[in-house]
């Protein structure tokens, strides 16, 4: 493969696009419909909203929820051309491509995409505890409710 510009423009690469806040799923769905209706399946291959499963404790109950890894962003796998750029850029609620120059988007590195895909494919999320041994905490439940305490042990496996 030679290093000239025409060869690099013909490669399938992942690009990040910026969207209005809260419209990531709508943008992804709209873009998929535009790709199909404009017959661009040969240039735009995948559209994903990066999400991961997390464990939240609400009212004492454990819930697994899906959260966006990068709010306001959608990832698109495509071959960059004038046509594909136009289709993505003119999708409603897309504010532009991510990169130093909005007219020439910068592709994501293969390593970045690999890490994101692995992060999205985790079936059973682990607990994430933002507390370390020695931290001061306010007890919110049980016989010592409303007392201050000092963390003496952290059980990552059970989220305690």
Protein backbone atom coordinates (compact mmCIF):
# COMPACT_ATOMS: atom_id res chain seq x y z
CA UNK A 1 0.00 0.00 0.00
CA UNK A 2 1.35 3.42 -0.89
CA UNK A 3 1.22 6.45 1.36
CA UNK A 4 -0.68 8.82 -0.92
CA UNK A 5 -3.97 10.45 0.10
CA UNK A 6 -6.24 8.42 -2.20
CA UNK A 7 -5.34 5.13 -0.50
CA UNK A 8 -5.98 6.41 3.03
CA UNK A 9 -9.38 7.76 2.02
CA UNK A 10 -10.51 4.33 0.79
CA UNK A 11 -10.01 2.57 4.16
CA UNK A 12 -12.75 1.60 6.58
CA UNK A 13 -12.12 3.67 9.71
CA UNK A 14 -14.03 4.67 12.81
CA UNK A 15 -14.95 8.32 13.29
CA UNK A 16 -16.57 10.10 16.23
CA UNK A 17 -19.39 12.52 15.57
CA UNK A 18 -20.69 15.08 18.02
CA UNK A 19 -24.45 15.29 18.63
CA UNK A 20 -26.89 17.39 20.60
CA UNK A 21 -27.07 16.34 24.24
CA UNK A 22 -29.45 13.44 24.85
CA UNK A 23 -30.00 12.71 21.14
CA UNK A 24 -27.30 10.06 20.63
CA UNK A 25 -29.71 7.15 20.10
CA UNK A 26 -31.96 9.23 17.86
CA UNK A 27 -28.98 10.35 15.75
CA UNK A 28 -27.77 6.74 15.41
CA UNK A 29 -31.22 5.55 14.32
CA UNK A 30 -31.66 8.46 11.92
CA UNK A 31 -28.21 7.92 10.42
CA UNK A 32 -28.91 4.19 9.89
CA UNK A 33 -32.15 5.10 8.08
CA UNK A 34 -30.35 7.67 5.91
CA UNK A 35 -27.64 5.14 5.01
CA UNK A 36 -30.31 2.67 3.90
CA UNK A 37 -32.49 5.16 2.01
CA UNK A 38 -29.54 6.83 0.26
CA UNK A 39 -27.97 3.44 -0.59
CA UNK A 40 -24.71 4.16 1.25
CA UNK A 41 -24.19 0.67 2.75
CA UNK A 42 -20.99 0.32 0.70
CA UNK A 43 -19.45 3.39 2.43
CA UNK A 44 -21.06 3.57 5.90
CA UNK A 45 -20.99 0.24 7.72
CA UNK A 46 -21.69 0.62 11.46
CA UNK A 47 -23.24 3.25 13.69
CA UNK A 48 -22.99 2.76 17.45
CA UNK A 49 -23.63 4.72 20.63
CA UNK A 50 -20.90 3.56 23.04
CA UNK A 51 -22.63 2.26 26.19
CA UNK A 52 -21.58 0.07 29.09
CA UNK A 53 -23.47 -1.75 31.81
CA UNK A 54 -23.05 -0.42 35.35
CA UNK A 55 -24.43 -1.43 38.71
CA UNK A 56 -26.43 1.20 40.54
CA UNK A 57 -27.87 0.88 44.02
CA UNK A 58 -31.20 2.67 44.27
CA UNK A 59 -33.41 2.44 47.36
CA UNK A 60 -31.23 -0.43 48.58
CA UNK A 61 -31.84 -2.48 45.42
CA UNK A 62 -29.15 -3.49 42.93
CA UNK A 63 -29.91 -2.53 39.33
CA UNK A 64 -27.89 -3.02 36.16
CA UNK A 65 -28.23 0.04 33.93
CA UNK A 66 -26.72 1.00 30.60
CA UNK A 67 -24.86 4.30 30.58
CA UNK A 68 -23.28 6.14 27.70
CA UNK A 69 -19.49 5.96 27.83
CA UNK A 70 -19.15 9.24 25.93
CA UNK A 71 -22.31 11.35 26.18
CA UNK A 72 -22.97 13.50 23.06
CA UNK A 73 -20.93 11.20 20.77
CA UNK A 74 -21.78 8.51 18.22
CA UNK A 75 -19.20 6.32 16.47
CA UNK A 76 -19.43 5.63 12.74
CA UNK A 77 -17.42 3.07 10.79
CA UNK A 78 -17.12 4.30 7.22
CA UNK A 79 -14.96 4.93 4.21
CA UNK A 80 -14.44 8.68 4.15
CA UNK A 81 -15.55 10.28 0.91
CA UNK A 82 -17.41 13.44 -0.02
CA UNK A 83 -20.69 11.48 -0.19
CA UNK A 84 -20.29 9.68 3.14
CA UNK A 85 -19.11 12.88 4.85
CA UNK A 86 -22.18 14.71 3.52
CA UNK A 87 -24.63 11.99 4.66
CA UNK A 88 -23.23 11.93 8.21
CA UNK A 89 -22.69 15.68 8.54
CA UNK A 90 -26.23 16.53 7.39
CA UNK A 91 -28.01 14.04 9.65
CA UNK A 92 -30.37 15.95 11.96
CA UNK A 93 -28.89 16.81 15.39
CA UNK A 94 -25.29 16.11 14.30
CA UNK A 95 -23.09 19.10 15.12
CA UNK A 96 -19.97 17.80 13.37
CA UNK A 97 -17.12 15.36 13.26
CA UNK A 98 -14.57 15.21 16.04
CA UNK A 99 -11.13 16.40 15.02
CA UNK A 100 -9.01 19.51 14.71
CA UNK A 101 -10.80 20.54 11.50
CA UNK A 102 -14.54 19.77 11.14
CA UNK A 103 -14.25 19.58 7.34
CA UNK A 104 -11.63 16.81 7.47
CA UNK A 105 -12.47 14.40 10.30
CA UNK A 106 -9.75 12.51 12.13
CA UNK A 107 -10.23 8.74 12.45
CA UNK A 108 -10.01 7.03 15.82
CA UNK A 109 -7.03 4.75 16.36
CA UNK A 110 -7.56 0.99 16.18
CA UNK A 111 -6.44 0.71 19.83
CA UNK A 112 -9.09 3.24 20.97
CA UNK A 113 -11.84 1.38 19.12
CA UNK A 114 -10.68 -2.00 20.45
CA UNK A 115 -10.79 -0.74 24.06
CA UNK A 116 -14.28 0.71 23.53
CA UNK A 117 -15.66 -2.48 21.95
CA UNK A 118 -14.23 -4.58 24.81
CA UNK A 119 -15.72 -2.20 27.36
CA UNK A 120 -19.13 -2.39 25.66
CA UNK A 121 -19.12 -6.20 25.45
CA UNK A 122 -18.80 -6.82 29.23
CA UNK A 123 -21.89 -8.84 30.17
CA UNK A 124 -21.76 -8.64 33.98
CA UNK A 125 -20.51 -5.28 35.22
CA UNK A 126 -18.36 -5.02 38.31
CA UNK A 127 -18.97 -2.65 41.16
CA UNK A 128 -17.15 0.62 41.08
CA UNK A 129 -16.52 2.00 44.51
CA UNK A 130 -15.13 5.51 44.82
CA UNK A 131 -14.14 5.00 48.45
CA UNK A 132 -10.78 3.98 49.87
CA UNK A 133 -9.71 2.72 53.28
CA UNK A 134 -9.37 5.66 55.65
CA UNK A 135 -12.01 7.87 53.93
CA UNK A 136 -14.57 9.60 56.13
CA UNK A 137 -18.20 8.66 55.32
CA UNK A 138 -21.68 9.48 56.61
CA UNK A 139 -23.67 6.35 57.51
CA UNK A 140 -27.09 6.46 55.84
CA UNK A 141 -28.73 3.23 57.02
CA UNK A 142 -28.84 0.87 59.99
CA UNK A 143 -28.39 1.41 63.73
CA UNK A 144 -25.58 3.96 63.21
CA UNK A 145 -27.57 6.09 60.74
CA UNK A 146 -26.50 9.77 60.60
CA UNK A 147 -23.16 9.06 62.31
CA UNK A 148 -19.81 9.75 60.72
CA UNK A 149 -17.48 6.82 60.18
CA UNK A 150 -14.10 5.88 58.79
CA UNK A 151 -13.80 3.18 56.09
CA UNK A 152 -11.83 0.21 57.44
CA UNK A 153 -12.47 -2.31 54.65
CA UNK A 154 -13.66 -2.27 51.00
CA UNK A 155 -15.27 -5.37 49.42
CA UNK A 156 -15.07 -4.71 45.66
CA UNK A 157 -16.68 -8.04 44.78
CA UNK A 158 -19.91 -7.31 46.65
CA UNK A 159 -19.87 -3.52 46.41
CA UNK A 160 -19.62 -2.93 50.15
